[in-house]
Structure formats: structure tokens, C-alpha cells
Amino acid sequence: MRIKQWIICLAVMLFFSPKLHGQNLPKVRAAYTSIGIQFDPVYIMKELDLPRKYGLDMDMLFVPVSSRAIQAALAGEIQFLTSGGVANINANATGADFVGLTATLDTFVFKILANPEVKKPEQLRGKKVGISRLGGASDFSIRYALNHWGLVPEKDVALIQIGGEPEEVLALQNKAVDAAILSEPFATVARRAGFTVLADLSQLGARYTMHGFGTRKSFIQANRDIVIRFMKAYLEGIYVFKTNKDVALDVLKKYTRLDDLSLVQTSYEEMSQRLIRRVPYPGAAGIQTIIDQLAKTRPQMKNLKPNDFIDPSILKEIEDSGFVKKLYGN
């Protein structure tokens, strides 16, 4: 009789287990805004459904325009979004309450690919450069680089909004632009098509908050436990990316729609071992770079405080709990 009661009790527990049946789990929606190797931990997170492991029912959406992702978050339609940092700051300047939870990258990762006759950055004067979208990370990065080289964006160099990095490569091939700003693996695609690397912006040495997950301060205040669970899933996505090359490249192949994985071999090693950190804390220095650049055309921006745009406390709480050490086995 006791064994029979135990079996019945176990059956009831299994039937109503939310983790097994996906019932009663908090529902969250997240958005990523671009395609590139730097987003692979996000793709892995989605493919392996890692949030479910931490008690969340997640939808991960591709919203290719940061401003649209911002609008969806303000409307409560999504809770987490990736951002170069620029979109969050622009939104907060008009009354929003976004904060960066991570800085997946803390420097520029774009390369400028150009027609072979353009041999030096100074020769971009009078030329057309393709970017993904005005106001996005590629737009900000090229403006920063042009200023660094003594060129005035839109006066000395025309910036042409193309729509995405695959489209930028096509624009180069069709001679619609003279150069384009690309991340991997599309920079390698363009290089193999005969275009030259005019500049690697990671060599500028600038601190820049790029492609971290963000959310609203009000959402953290009301749902801190959900935010922690989501960030644990993301940290595990980074862990898989850094430690399981086969999975990382298979997932990347699916999302970039590139069949030739040799395109990303070198950039994978650089991203997994050097650029993407185990615990990608957001930092004030990367935000200050954005504020300083925006203030060149909008002086009122110089009064903004970088710490108002980040919340490193979520990652600190997770790391202090020993989660990351347990994940990596050290």
C-alpha cells in the first residue's frame, strides 16, 4: 500500500511539473537586432532553449532595427533586447528607462572593406560608405572612425543606409558604395570577393559598449528573479559558445545561412577566446565613449552620466553565487 501511494504521488508530481510540461512558467520575449558571430551566444541560447532550464518560457525574435526593438520594449511586447548601447541612450534621452545588463563586446568589432583602389582611410573623402542602419552600431562606429581620421561624416564621406550586412556586401559587389562597414563573417565574405580591409576598428583601442542585453529599470524592479534567470541562460549560452566549437559553428551556420564554415574559423577563435568574456559586465567607459560622440552634434548629451545606463548588479549577484565557477568547473 505504501509503495502504491508513493507511485501515485510521484505520478501527480510529474504530471504537474512545470519544467517538464512547460506549464505555468513565466513568459518572456527577447529580441536580437543583427546577424553576426558576436550574436552566436544568443542564437545558442535560443536553439538549446536554455531559458527553460532556468524556469522561463522564452520567445526569441529577430527585430533587425534597434529603434523598433526599443518601441516594442516600451510597449511591453518584449522584455529583453540586444543593443549597441546607442539606441538605449537615445531612448533614455527622451524619457525611457533602459539599462544595459551586459556588454557582450567592449570595443568595436567592425572592419571597413573597400574597393582595392581605396588604400588609406583618408581616401574615403568624397566616397560612399555602406552602413546597416542610421542610428545603429555600424553608423556610430563609422562616425567615430571618420572623426578619428579627421573626416567629417556626411560632409566628407556619404553614409548610405543599406539594411543589413549581407546587403552591404551585395552593395559593394554592385558598386553602389565604395566601402562598407562589416563584422564577421561578412567581412571575410567581402574580402574573399576581392575587397580589401581598409581598417580594423578593433585596433583603434576605443572602449565601446556593444551588443549587450538590456531591459527597463522598471522591469528589473518588478521582476528581478526573472532577470536573473534570463541572465543565467545567457551566461550558459556564452559558456557553450566558448567551450563547444562544433555546436557554436553549427548554430552560427544556421543563422548566417553560410555554408562555408571556413569563413568564420579565425573570427570564432578571436571571439571565443579574447573578445567575448565569461562574465560580460557593462562598463561606464564604454558608455562614456557613446556619450562623448553623441555630444559632438547634441551638446546637451555631455551632461549624461554613464552609470545611469548600466546595471551590473545582476551579473554580480549571479557571479557571487558561484554560478559561473560551477558552469566552467573551476
C-alpha atoms as a PDB file:
ATOM      1  CA  MET A   1       0.000   0.000   0.000  1.00  0.00           C
ATOM      2  CA  ARG A   2       2.818   2.415   0.874  1.00  0.00           C
ATOM      3  CA  ILE A   3       4.565   1.708  -2.460  1.00  0.00           C
ATOM      4  CA  LYS A   4       1.303   2.253  -4.326  1.00  0.00           C
ATOM      5  CA  GLN A   5       0.764   5.604  -2.590  1.00  0.00           C
ATOM      6  CA  TRP A   6       4.333   6.639  -3.425  1.00  0.00           C
ATOM      7  CA  ILE A   7       3.823   5.793  -7.116  1.00  0.00           C
ATOM      8  CA  ILE A   8       0.577   7.781  -7.227  1.00  0.00           C
ATOM      9  CA  CYS A   9       2.249  10.764  -5.525  1.00  0.00           C
ATOM     10  CA  LEU A  10       5.192  10.645  -7.944  1.00  0.00           C
ATOM     11  CA  ALA A  11       2.850  10.455 -10.925  1.00  0.00           C
ATOM     12  CA  VAL A  12       0.962  13.519  -9.722  1.00  0.00           C
ATOM     13  CA  MET A  13       4.228  15.432  -9.196  1.00  0.00           C
ATOM     14  CA  LEU A  14       5.452  14.565 -12.689  1.00  0.00           C
ATOM     15  CA  PHE A  15       2.144  15.452 -14.295  1.00  0.00           C
ATOM     16  CA  PHE A  16       2.047  18.887 -12.769  1.00  0.00           C
ATOM     17  CA  SER A  17       5.772  19.625 -13.095  1.00  0.00           C
ATOM     18  CA  PRO A  18       6.053  22.950 -14.966  1.00  0.00           C
ATOM     19  CA  LYS A  19       9.591  22.237 -16.091  1.00  0.00           C
ATOM     20  CA  LEU A  20       8.587  19.023 -17.806  1.00  0.00           C
ATOM     21  CA  HIS A  21       5.368  20.258 -19.329  1.00  0.00           C
ATOM     22  CA  GLY A  22       6.174  23.908 -19.876  1.00  0.00           C
ATOM     23  CA  GLN A  23       3.104  25.000 -17.895  1.00  0.00           C
ATOM     24  CA  ASN A  24       2.956  27.981 -15.578  1.00  0.00           C
ATOM     25  CA  LEU A  25       6.449  29.159 -16.469  1.00  0.00           C
ATOM     26  CA  PRO A  26       6.910  32.933 -16.627  1.00  0.00           C
ATOM     27  CA  LYS A  27       6.690  34.016 -20.267  1.00  0.00           C
ATOM     28  CA  VAL A  28       9.354  36.383 -21.611  1.00  0.00           C
ATOM     29  CA  ARG A  29      10.137  37.703 -25.060  1.00  0.00           C
ATOM     30  CA  ALA A  30      13.594  38.815 -26.155  1.00  0.00           C
ATOM     31  CA  ALA A  31      14.907  40.339 -29.364  1.00  0.00           C
ATOM     32  CA  TYR A  32      18.233  40.370 -31.147  1.00  0.00           C
ATOM     33  CA  THR A  33      18.853  43.060 -33.719  1.00  0.00           C
ATOM     34  CA  SER A  34      21.543  41.832 -36.091  1.00  0.00           C
ATOM     35  CA  ILE A  35      23.232  38.793 -37.634  1.00  0.00           C
ATOM     36  CA  GLY A  36      26.880  38.119 -36.868  1.00  0.00           C
ATOM     37  CA  ILE A  37      29.223  35.901 -34.931  1.00  0.00           C
ATOM     38  CA  GLN A  38      29.037  38.179 -31.885  1.00  0.00           C
ATOM     39  CA  PHE A  39      25.385  37.141 -31.522  1.00  0.00           C
ATOM     40  CA  ASP A  40      26.119  33.409 -31.532  1.00  0.00           C
ATOM     41  CA  PRO A  41      25.630  33.022 -27.741  1.00  0.00           C
ATOM     42  CA  VAL A  42      22.145  34.467 -28.273  1.00  0.00           C
ATOM     43  CA  TYR A  43      21.410  32.014 -31.100  1.00  0.00           C
ATOM     44  CA  ILE A  44      22.707  29.146 -28.932  1.00  0.00           C
ATOM     45  CA  MET A  45      20.505  30.309 -26.082  1.00  0.00           C
ATOM     46  CA  LYS A  46      17.527  30.095 -28.429  1.00  0.00           C
ATOM     47  CA  GLU A  47      18.445  26.813 -30.146  1.00  0.00           C
ATOM     48  CA  LEU A  48      19.079  24.955 -26.884  1.00  0.00           C
ATOM     49  CA  ASP A  49      16.113  26.655 -25.173  1.00  0.00           C
ATOM     50  CA  LEU A  50      18.362  27.452 -22.225  1.00  0.00           C
ATOM     51  CA  PRO A  51      15.868  29.786 -20.508  1.00  0.00           C
ATOM     52  CA  ARG A  52      13.549  26.797 -19.928  1.00  0.00           C
ATOM     53  CA  LYS A  53      16.354  25.171 -17.940  1.00  0.00           C
ATOM     54  CA  TYR A  54      16.113  28.146 -15.579  1.00  0.00           C
ATOM     55  CA  GLY A  55      12.337  28.190 -15.383  1.00  0.00           C
ATOM     56  CA  LEU A  56      11.383  30.577 -18.200  1.00  0.00           C
ATOM     57  CA  ASP A  57       9.258  30.144 -21.301  1.00  0.00           C
ATOM     58  CA  MET A  58      11.055  32.338 -23.836  1.00  0.00           C
ATOM     59  CA  ASP A  59      10.363  33.570 -27.343  1.00  0.00           C
ATOM     60  CA  MET A  60      13.459  34.959 -29.093  1.00  0.00           C
ATOM     61  CA  LEU A  61      12.675  37.250 -32.015  1.00  0.00           C
ATOM     62  CA  PHE A  62      14.761  38.837 -34.740  1.00  0.00           C
ATOM     63  CA  VAL A  63      13.991  42.567 -34.887  1.00  0.00           C
ATOM     64  CA  PRO A  64      16.515  43.999 -37.345  1.00  0.00           C
ATOM     65  CA  VAL A  65      16.040  47.650 -36.363  1.00  0.00           C
ATOM     66  CA  SER A  66      17.087  48.716 -32.846  1.00  0.00           C
ATOM     67  CA  SER A  67      14.565  51.565 -32.742  1.00  0.00           C
ATOM     68  CA  ARG A  68      11.740  49.087 -33.391  1.00  0.00           C
ATOM     69  CA  ALA A  69      13.011  46.819 -30.617  1.00  0.00           C
ATOM     70  CA  ILE A  70      13.083  49.835 -28.310  1.00  0.00           C
ATOM     71  CA  GLN A  71       9.487  50.711 -29.228  1.00  0.00           C
ATOM     72  CA  ALA A  72       8.374  47.118 -28.644  1.00  0.00           C
ATOM     73  CA  ALA A  73      10.055  47.120 -25.220  1.00  0.00           C
ATOM     74  CA  LEU A  74       8.420  50.413 -24.282  1.00  0.00           C
ATOM     75  CA  ALA A  75       5.069  48.902 -25.268  1.00  0.00           C
ATOM     76  CA  GLY A  76       5.728  45.875 -23.059  1.00  0.00           C
ATOM     77  CA  GLU A  77       5.840  43.492 -26.025  1.00  0.00           C
ATOM     78  CA  ILE A  78       9.408  42.365 -25.318  1.00  0.00           C
ATOM     79  CA  GLN A  79      11.359  42.359 -22.064  1.00  0.00           C
ATOM     80  CA  PHE A  80      14.979  41.944 -23.188  1.00  0.00           C
ATOM     81  CA  LEU A  81      16.780  43.290 -26.232  1.00  0.00           C
ATOM     82  CA  THR A  82      20.285  43.439 -27.597  1.00  0.00           C
ATOM     83  CA  SER A  83      21.639  46.874 -28.323  1.00  0.00           C
ATOM     84  CA  GLY A  84      24.836  48.609 -29.258  1.00  0.00           C
ATOM     85  CA  GLY A  85      24.174  50.999 -26.390  1.00  0.00           C
ATOM     86  CA  VAL A  86      23.442  53.918 -28.716  1.00  0.00           C
ATOM     87  CA  ALA A  87      19.738  53.082 -29.038  1.00  0.00           C
ATOM     88  CA  ASN A  88      19.291  52.845 -25.263  1.00  0.00           C
ATOM     89  CA  ILE A  89      20.958  56.200 -24.657  1.00  0.00           C
ATOM     90  CA  ASN A  90      18.934  57.929 -27.365  1.00  0.00           C
ATOM     91  CA  ALA A  91      15.724  56.462 -25.929  1.00  0.00           C
ATOM     92  CA  ASN A  92      16.596  57.456 -22.365  1.00  0.00           C
ATOM     93  CA  ALA A  93      17.373  60.999 -23.509  1.00  0.00           C
ATOM     94  CA  THR A  94      13.681  61.266 -24.388  1.00  0.00           C
ATOM     95  CA  GLY A  95      12.383  59.772 -21.131  1.00  0.00           C
ATOM     96  CA  ALA A  96      12.835  55.980 -21.355  1.00  0.00           C
ATOM     97  CA  ASP A  97      14.412  53.894 -18.575  1.00  0.00           C
ATOM     98  CA  PHE A  98      16.640  51.317 -20.309  1.00  0.00           C
ATOM     99  CA  VAL A  99      19.797  49.898 -18.751  1.00  0.00           C
ATOM    100  CA  GLY A 100      22.441  47.573 -20.127  1.00  0.00           C
ATOM    101  CA  LEU A 101      22.798  44.321 -18.213  1.00  0.00           C
ATOM    102  CA  THR A 102      25.828  43.162 -20.187  1.00  0.00           C
ATOM    103  CA  ALA A 103      28.383  44.463 -22.645  1.00  0.00           C
ATOM    104  CA  THR A 104      28.976  41.374 -24.754  1.00  0.00           C
ATOM    105  CA  LEU A 105      31.702  43.320 -26.523  1.00  0.00           C
ATOM    106  CA  ASP A 106      33.509  46.323 -25.056  1.00  0.00           C
ATOM    107  CA  THR A 107      35.205  47.562 -28.215  1.00  0.00           C
ATOM    108  CA  PHE A 108      34.449  47.917 -31.923  1.00  0.00           C
ATOM    109  CA  VAL A 109      34.473  44.688 -33.921  1.00  0.00           C
ATOM    110  CA  PHE A 110      33.738  46.142 -37.357  1.00  0.00           C
ATOM    111  CA  LYS A 111      36.100  46.208 -40.306  1.00  0.00           C
ATOM    112  CA  ILE A 112      35.897  48.614 -43.235  1.00  0.00           C
ATOM    113  CA  LEU A 113      36.058  46.784 -46.557  1.00  0.00           C
ATOM    114  CA  ALA A 114      36.711  48.881 -49.652  1.00  0.00           C
ATOM    115  CA  ASN A 115      37.409  48.731 -53.349  1.00  0.00           C
ATOM    116  CA  PRO A 116      41.110  47.915 -53.895  1.00  0.00           C
ATOM    117  CA  GLU A 117      41.865  51.414 -55.231  1.00  0.00           C
ATOM    118  CA  VAL A 118      40.988  52.864 -51.798  1.00  0.00           C
ATOM    119  CA  LYS A 119      44.196  52.145 -49.908  1.00  0.00           C
ATOM    120  CA  LYS A 120      44.086  54.539 -46.935  1.00  0.00           C
ATOM    121  CA  PRO A 121      41.233  55.800 -44.726  1.00  0.00           C
ATOM    122  CA  GLU A 122      41.946  59.363 -45.874  1.00  0.00           C
ATOM    123  CA  GLN A 123      40.997  58.299 -49.388  1.00  0.00           C
ATOM    124  CA  LEU A 124      37.388  57.829 -48.286  1.00  0.00           C
ATOM    125  CA  ARG A 125      36.918  61.557 -48.797  1.00  0.00           C
ATOM    126  CA  GLY A 126      34.239  62.017 -51.449  1.00  0.00           C
ATOM    127  CA  LYS A 127      33.310  58.334 -51.308  1.00  0.00           C
ATOM    128  CA  LYS A 128      30.152  56.444 -50.281  1.00  0.00           C
ATOM    129  CA  VAL A 129      30.275  54.050 -47.315  1.00  0.00           C
ATOM    130  CA  GLY A 130      27.538  51.491 -46.716  1.00  0.00           C
ATOM    131  CA  ILE A 131      26.154  51.022 -43.200  1.00  0.00           C
ATOM    132  CA  SER A 132      23.370  48.790 -41.939  1.00  0.00           C
ATOM    133  CA  ARG A 133      21.104  51.437 -40.445  1.00  0.00           C
ATOM    134  CA  LEU A 134      21.279  55.064 -39.448  1.00  0.00           C
ATOM    135  CA  GLY A 135      21.480  55.354 -35.673  1.00  0.00           C
ATOM    136  CA  GLY A 136      22.727  51.796 -35.240  1.00  0.00           C
ATOM    137  CA  ALA A 137      26.054  50.345 -34.127  1.00  0.00           C
ATOM    138  CA  SER A 138      27.615  50.404 -37.604  1.00  0.00           C
ATOM    139  CA  ASP A 139      26.576  54.036 -38.066  1.00  0.00           C
ATOM    140  CA  PHE A 140      28.058  55.032 -34.712  1.00  0.00           C
ATOM    141  CA  SER A 141      31.261  53.083 -35.347  1.00  0.00           C
ATOM    142  CA  ILE A 142      31.983  54.581 -38.758  1.00  0.00           C
ATOM    143  CA  ARG A 143      31.290  58.099 -37.478  1.00  0.00           C
ATOM    144  CA  TYR A 144      33.722  57.538 -34.619  1.00  0.00           C
ATOM    145  CA  ALA A 145      36.366  56.219 -37.020  1.00  0.00           C
ATOM    146  CA  LEU A 146      35.904  59.039 -39.531  1.00  0.00           C
ATOM    147  CA  ASN A 147      36.300  61.645 -36.788  1.00  0.00           C
ATOM    148  CA  HIS A 148      39.419  59.810 -35.636  1.00  0.00           C
ATOM    149  CA  TRP A 149      40.838  60.150 -39.164  1.00  0.00           C
ATOM    150  CA  GLY A 150      39.928  63.829 -39.461  1.00  0.00           C
ATOM    151  CA  LEU A 151      36.969  63.290 -41.798  1.00  0.00           C
ATOM    152  CA  VAL A 152      33.526  64.780 -41.269  1.00  0.00           C
ATOM    153  CA  PRO A 153      30.674  62.280 -41.674  1.00  0.00           C
ATOM    154  CA  GLU A 154      28.127  63.242 -44.346  1.00  0.00           C
ATOM    155  CA  LYS A 155      30.245  66.197 -45.404  1.00  0.00           C
ATOM    156  CA  ASP A 156      33.452  64.459 -46.437  1.00  0.00           C
ATOM    157  CA  VAL A 157      32.004  60.954 -46.630  1.00  0.00           C
ATOM    158  CA  ALA A 158      28.450  59.927 -47.595  1.00  0.00           C
ATOM    159  CA  LEU A 159      26.884  57.289 -45.324  1.00  0.00           C
ATOM    160  CA  ILE A 160      24.404  55.076 -47.179  1.00  0.00           C
ATOM    161  CA  GLN A 161      21.859  53.039 -45.238  1.00  0.00           C
ATOM    162  CA  ILE A 162      21.704  49.558 -46.797  1.00  0.00           C
ATOM    163  CA  GLY A 163      19.640  47.493 -44.350  1.00  0.00           C
ATOM    164  CA  GLY A 164      21.897  44.637 -43.245  1.00  0.00           C
ATOM    165  CA  GLU A 165      25.400  43.242 -43.618  1.00  0.00           C
ATOM    166  CA  PRO A 166      24.598  40.668 -46.339  1.00  0.00           C
ATOM    167  CA  GLU A 167      23.015  43.529 -48.279  1.00  0.00           C
ATOM    168  CA  GLU A 168      26.122  45.669 -47.705  1.00  0.00           C
ATOM    169  CA  VAL A 169      28.277  43.000 -49.353  1.00  0.00           C
ATOM    170  CA  LEU A 170      25.931  42.991 -52.348  1.00  0.00           C
ATOM    171  CA  ALA A 171      26.105  46.789 -52.497  1.00  0.00           C
ATOM    172  CA  LEU A 172      29.903  46.567 -52.650  1.00  0.00           C
ATOM    173  CA  GLN A 173      29.758  43.993 -55.412  1.00  0.00           C
ATOM    174  CA  ASN A 174      27.262  46.077 -57.388  1.00  0.00           C
ATOM    175  CA  LYS A 175      29.415  49.212 -56.916  1.00  0.00           C
ATOM    176  CA  ALA A 176      26.574  51.038 -55.191  1.00  0.00           C
ATOM    177  CA  VAL A 177      29.069  52.004 -52.460  1.00  0.00           C
ATOM    178  CA  ASP A 178      32.857  52.363 -52.365  1.00  0.00           C
ATOM    179  CA  ALA A 179      33.262  50.810 -48.939  1.00  0.00           C
ATOM    180  CA  ALA A 180      31.181  49.152 -46.233  1.00  0.00           C
ATOM    181  CA  ILE A 181      31.470  48.611 -42.501  1.00  0.00           C
ATOM    182  CA  LEU A 182      31.113  44.915 -41.692  1.00  0.00           C
ATOM    183  CA  SER A 183      31.511  42.477 -38.830  1.00  0.00           C
ATOM    184  CA  GLU A 184      32.376  38.802 -39.185  1.00  0.00           C
ATOM    185  CA  PRO A 185      31.686  36.608 -41.006  1.00  0.00           C
ATOM    186  CA  PHE A 186      30.566  39.102 -43.655  1.00  0.00           C
ATOM    187  CA  ALA A 187      33.891  40.966 -43.594  1.00  0.00           C
ATOM    188  CA  THR A 188      35.581  37.737 -44.686  1.00  0.00           C
ATOM    189  CA  VAL A 189      32.916  37.179 -47.361  1.00  0.00           C
ATOM    190  CA  ALA A 190      33.710  40.623 -48.799  1.00  0.00           C
ATOM    191  CA  ARG A 191      37.463  40.070 -48.556  1.00  0.00           C
ATOM    192  CA  ARG A 192      37.205  36.801 -50.473  1.00  0.00           C
ATOM    193  CA  ALA A 193      35.148  38.623 -53.108  1.00  0.00           C
ATOM    194  CA  GLY A 194      38.159  40.830 -53.822  1.00  0.00           C
ATOM    195  CA  PHE A 195      37.661  43.787 -51.480  1.00  0.00           C
ATOM    196  CA  THR A 196      40.405  44.920 -49.125  1.00  0.00           C
ATOM    197  CA  VAL A 197      40.392  45.536 -45.391  1.00  0.00           C
ATOM    198  CA  LEU A 198      40.887  49.275 -45.176  1.00  0.00           C
ATOM    199  CA  ALA A 199      40.739  49.351 -41.380  1.00  0.00           C
ATOM    200  CA  ASP A 200      40.062  47.084 -38.414  1.00  0.00           C
ATOM    201  CA  LEU A 201      38.234  49.281 -35.911  1.00  0.00           C
ATOM    202  CA  SER A 202      39.093  46.983 -33.004  1.00  0.00           C
ATOM    203  CA  GLN A 203      42.626  48.343 -33.385  1.00  0.00           C
ATOM    204  CA  LEU A 204      41.513  51.884 -32.507  1.00  0.00           C
ATOM    205  CA  GLY A 205      41.637  50.943 -28.837  1.00  0.00           C
ATOM    206  CA  ALA A 206      38.278  52.567 -28.054  1.00  0.00           C
ATOM    207  CA  ARG A 207      36.047  51.337 -25.251  1.00  0.00           C
ATOM    208  CA  TYR A 208      32.567  50.854 -26.641  1.00  0.00           C
ATOM    209  CA  THR A 209      29.545  49.033 -25.241  1.00  0.00           C
ATOM    210  CA  MET A 210      28.226  46.756 -27.965  1.00  0.00           C
ATOM    211  CA  HIS A 211      25.522  44.118 -28.361  1.00  0.00           C
ATOM    212  CA  GLY A 212      24.752  43.524 -24.720  1.00  0.00           C
ATOM    213  CA  PHE A 213      21.347  42.575 -23.398  1.00  0.00           C
ATOM    214  CA  GLY A 214      19.313  45.366 -21.866  1.00  0.00           C
ATOM    215  CA  THR A 215      15.950  45.836 -20.246  1.00  0.00           C
ATOM    216  CA  ARG A 216      13.951  48.522 -18.478  1.00  0.00           C
ATOM    217  CA  LYS A 217      14.693  49.604 -14.914  1.00  0.00           C
ATOM    218  CA  SER A 218      11.012  49.232 -14.106  1.00  0.00           C
ATOM    219  CA  PHE A 219      11.064  45.611 -15.281  1.00  0.00           C
ATOM    220  CA  ILE A 220      14.048  44.812 -13.050  1.00  0.00           C
ATOM    221  CA  GLN A 221      12.339  46.372 -10.059  1.00  0.00           C
ATOM    222  CA  ALA A 222       9.199  44.297 -10.591  1.00  0.00           C
ATOM    223  CA  ASN A 223      10.787  41.066 -11.860  1.00  0.00           C
ATOM    224  CA  ARG A 224      14.360  40.795 -10.595  1.00  0.00           C
ATOM    225  CA  ASP A 225      14.168  36.999 -10.247  1.00  0.00           C
ATOM    226  CA  ILE A 226      13.128  36.654 -13.908  1.00  0.00           C
ATOM    227  CA  VAL A 227      16.004  38.891 -14.971  1.00  0.00           C
ATOM    228  CA  ILE A 228      18.469  36.731 -13.019  1.00  0.00           C
ATOM    229  CA  ARG A 229      17.107  33.547 -14.592  1.00  0.00           C
ATOM    230  CA  PHE A 230      17.347  35.052 -18.064  1.00  0.00           C
ATOM    231  CA  MET A 231      20.924  36.192 -17.491  1.00  0.00           C
ATOM    232  CA  LYS A 232      21.906  32.733 -16.242  1.00  0.00           C
ATOM    233  CA  ALA A 233      20.608  31.299 -19.507  1.00  0.00           C
ATOM    234  CA  TYR A 234      22.624  33.875 -21.458  1.00  0.00           C
ATOM    235  CA  LEU A 235      25.785  33.158 -19.474  1.00  0.00           C
ATOM    236  CA  GLU A 236      25.335  29.475 -20.283  1.00  0.00           C
ATOM    237  CA  GLY A 237      24.950  30.432 -23.943  1.00  0.00           C
ATOM    238  CA  ILE A 238      28.338  32.163 -23.709  1.00  0.00           C
ATOM    239  CA  TYR A 239      29.764  29.090 -21.986  1.00  0.00           C
ATOM    240  CA  VAL A 240      28.616  26.787 -24.805  1.00  0.00           C
ATOM    241  CA  PHE A 241      29.943  29.250 -27.388  1.00  0.00           C
ATOM    242  CA  LYS A 242      33.371  29.356 -25.741  1.00  0.00           C
ATOM    243  CA  THR A 243      33.731  25.655 -24.969  1.00  0.00           C
ATOM    244  CA  ASN A 244      31.863  23.742 -27.705  1.00  0.00           C
ATOM    245  CA  LYS A 245      33.137  24.865 -31.090  1.00  0.00           C
ATOM    246  CA  ASP A 246      31.114  22.315 -33.056  1.00  0.00           C
ATOM    247  CA  VAL A 247      27.819  23.445 -31.583  1.00  0.00           C
ATOM    248  CA  ALA A 248      28.787  27.111 -31.852  1.00  0.00           C
ATOM    249  CA  LEU A 249      29.643  26.870 -35.551  1.00  0.00           C
ATOM    250  CA  ASP A 250      26.647  24.691 -36.441  1.00  0.00           C
ATOM    251  CA  VAL A 251      24.289  27.213 -34.854  1.00  0.00           C
ATOM    252  CA  LEU A 252      26.110  30.125 -36.492  1.00  0.00           C
ATOM    253  CA  LYS A 253      25.863  28.406 -39.870  1.00  0.00           C
ATOM    254  CA  LYS A 254      22.093  28.181 -39.478  1.00  0.00           C
ATOM    255  CA  TYR A 255      21.575  31.836 -38.566  1.00  0.00           C
ATOM    256  CA  THR A 256      24.032  33.371 -41.019  1.00  0.00           C
ATOM    257  CA  ARG A 257      22.989  30.988 -43.825  1.00  0.00           C
ATOM    258  CA  LEU A 258      26.606  30.485 -44.781  1.00  0.00           C
ATOM    259  CA  ASP A 259      27.599  27.006 -45.898  1.00  0.00           C
ATOM    260  CA  ASP A 260      31.368  27.582 -45.779  1.00  0.00           C
ATOM    261  CA  LEU A 261      32.383  27.433 -42.127  1.00  0.00           C
ATOM    262  CA  SER A 262      35.971  28.293 -43.059  1.00  0.00           C
ATOM    263  CA  LEU A 263      34.663  31.855 -43.290  1.00  0.00           C
ATOM    264  CA  VAL A 264      34.339  32.012 -39.513  1.00  0.00           C
ATOM    265  CA  GLN A 265      37.138  29.800 -38.197  1.00  0.00           C
ATOM    266  CA  THR A 266      39.560  32.634 -37.433  1.00  0.00           C
ATOM    267  CA  SER A 267      36.944  35.032 -36.143  1.00  0.00           C
ATOM    268  CA  TYR A 268      35.494  32.295 -33.918  1.00  0.00           C
ATOM    269  CA  GLU A 269      38.821  31.831 -32.174  1.00  0.00           C
ATOM    270  CA  GLU A 270      39.173  35.580 -31.650  1.00  0.00           C
ATOM    271  CA  MET A 271      35.632  35.998 -30.368  1.00  0.00           C
ATOM    272  CA  SER A 272      35.526  32.934 -28.137  1.00  0.00           C
ATOM    273  CA  GLN A 273      38.962  33.308 -26.595  1.00  0.00           C
ATOM    274  CA  ARG A 274      39.553  37.071 -26.472  1.00  0.00           C
ATOM    275  CA  LEU A 275      36.643  39.376 -27.211  1.00  0.00           C
ATOM    276  CA  ILE A 276      33.633  37.746 -25.540  1.00  0.00           C
ATOM    277  CA  ARG A 277      34.192  37.433 -21.813  1.00  0.00           C
ATOM    278  CA  ARG A 278      32.778  34.789 -19.477  1.00  0.00           C
ATOM    279  CA  VAL A 279      31.001  37.446 -17.448  1.00  0.00           C
ATOM    280  CA  PRO A 280      30.489  40.432 -19.754  1.00  0.00           C
ATOM    281  CA  TYR A 281      29.960  43.220 -17.254  1.00  0.00           C
ATOM    282  CA  PRO A 282      28.705  46.512 -18.672  1.00  0.00           C
ATOM    283  CA  GLY A 283      31.154  49.328 -18.012  1.00  0.00           C
ATOM    284  CA  ALA A 284      30.905  53.090 -17.679  1.00  0.00           C
ATOM    285  CA  ALA A 285      33.885  53.681 -20.013  1.00  0.00           C
ATOM    286  CA  GLY A 286      32.115  52.117 -22.985  1.00  0.00           C
ATOM    287  CA  ILE A 287      29.019  54.226 -22.365  1.00  0.00           C
ATOM    288  CA  GLN A 288      31.115  57.379 -21.956  1.00  0.00           C
ATOM    289  CA  THR A 289      32.536  56.842 -25.457  1.00  0.00           C
ATOM    290  CA  ILE A 290      28.988  56.886 -26.820  1.00  0.00           C
ATOM    291  CA  ILE A 291      28.012  59.966 -24.828  1.00  0.00           C
ATOM    292  CA  ASP A 292      31.116  61.868 -25.961  1.00  0.00           C
ATOM    293  CA  GLN A 293      30.446  61.039 -29.612  1.00  0.00           C
ATOM    294  CA  LEU A 294      26.748  61.949 -29.435  1.00  0.00           C
ATOM    295  CA  ALA A 295      27.604  65.220 -27.696  1.00  0.00           C
ATOM    296  CA  LYS A 296      29.540  66.396 -30.772  1.00  0.00           C
ATOM    297  CA  THR A 297      26.239  67.026 -32.530  1.00  0.00           C
ATOM    298  CA  ARG A 298      23.987  67.313 -29.468  1.00  0.00           C
ATOM    299  CA  PRO A 299      25.850  69.253 -26.758  1.00  0.00           C
ATOM    300  CA  GLN A 300      23.131  68.545 -24.168  1.00  0.00           C
ATOM    301  CA  MET A 301      24.264  64.912 -24.159  1.00  0.00           C
ATOM    302  CA  LYS A 302      27.550  65.742 -22.433  1.00  0.00           C
ATOM    303  CA  ASN A 303      25.733  66.103 -19.104  1.00  0.00           C
ATOM    304  CA  LEU A 304      24.581  62.470 -19.123  1.00  0.00           C
ATOM    305  CA  LYS A 305      26.121  60.131 -16.539  1.00  0.00           C
ATOM    306  CA  PRO A 306      27.254  56.741 -17.903  1.00  0.00           C
ATOM    307  CA  ASN A 307      26.369  54.807 -14.751  1.00  0.00           C
ATOM    308  CA  ASP A 308      22.720  55.737 -15.279  1.00  0.00           C
ATOM    309  CA  PHE A 309      22.677  53.499 -18.370  1.00  0.00           C
ATOM    310  CA  ILE A 310      24.015  50.256 -16.907  1.00  0.00           C
ATOM    311  CA  ASP A 311      23.104  47.826 -14.127  1.00  0.00           C
ATOM    312  CA  PRO A 312      25.994  45.451 -13.357  1.00  0.00           C
ATOM    313  CA  SER A 313      24.321  44.237 -10.151  1.00  0.00           C
ATOM    314  CA  ILE A 314      22.524  41.347 -11.880  1.00  0.00           C
ATOM    315  CA  LEU A 315      25.736  39.768 -13.170  1.00  0.00           C
ATOM    316  CA  LYS A 316      27.484  40.433  -9.855  1.00  0.00           C
ATOM    317  CA  GLU A 317      24.753  38.660  -7.924  1.00  0.00           C
ATOM    318  CA  ILE A 318      24.998  35.671 -10.257  1.00  0.00           C
ATOM    319  CA  GLU A 319      28.805  35.555 -10.146  1.00  0.00           C
ATOM    320  CA  ASP A 320      28.889  35.959  -6.356  1.00  0.00           C
ATOM    321  CA  SER A 321      26.575  32.942  -6.065  1.00  0.00           C
ATOM    322  CA  GLY A 322      29.275  30.729  -7.629  1.00  0.00           C
ATOM    323  CA  PHE A 323      27.190  30.042 -10.732  1.00  0.00           C
ATOM    324  CA  VAL A 324      29.921  30.899 -13.238  1.00  0.00           C
ATOM    325  CA  LYS A 325      32.642  28.928 -11.445  1.00  0.00           C
ATOM    326  CA  LYS A 326      30.345  25.913 -11.327  1.00  0.00           C
ATOM    327  CA  LEU A 327      29.498  26.333 -15.017  1.00  0.00           C
ATOM    328  CA  TYR A 328      33.162  26.276 -16.092  1.00  0.00           C
ATOM    329  CA  GLY A 329      34.237  23.763 -13.488  1.00  0.00           C
ATOM    330  CA  ASN A 330      36.762  25.995 -11.759  1.00  0.00           C
END
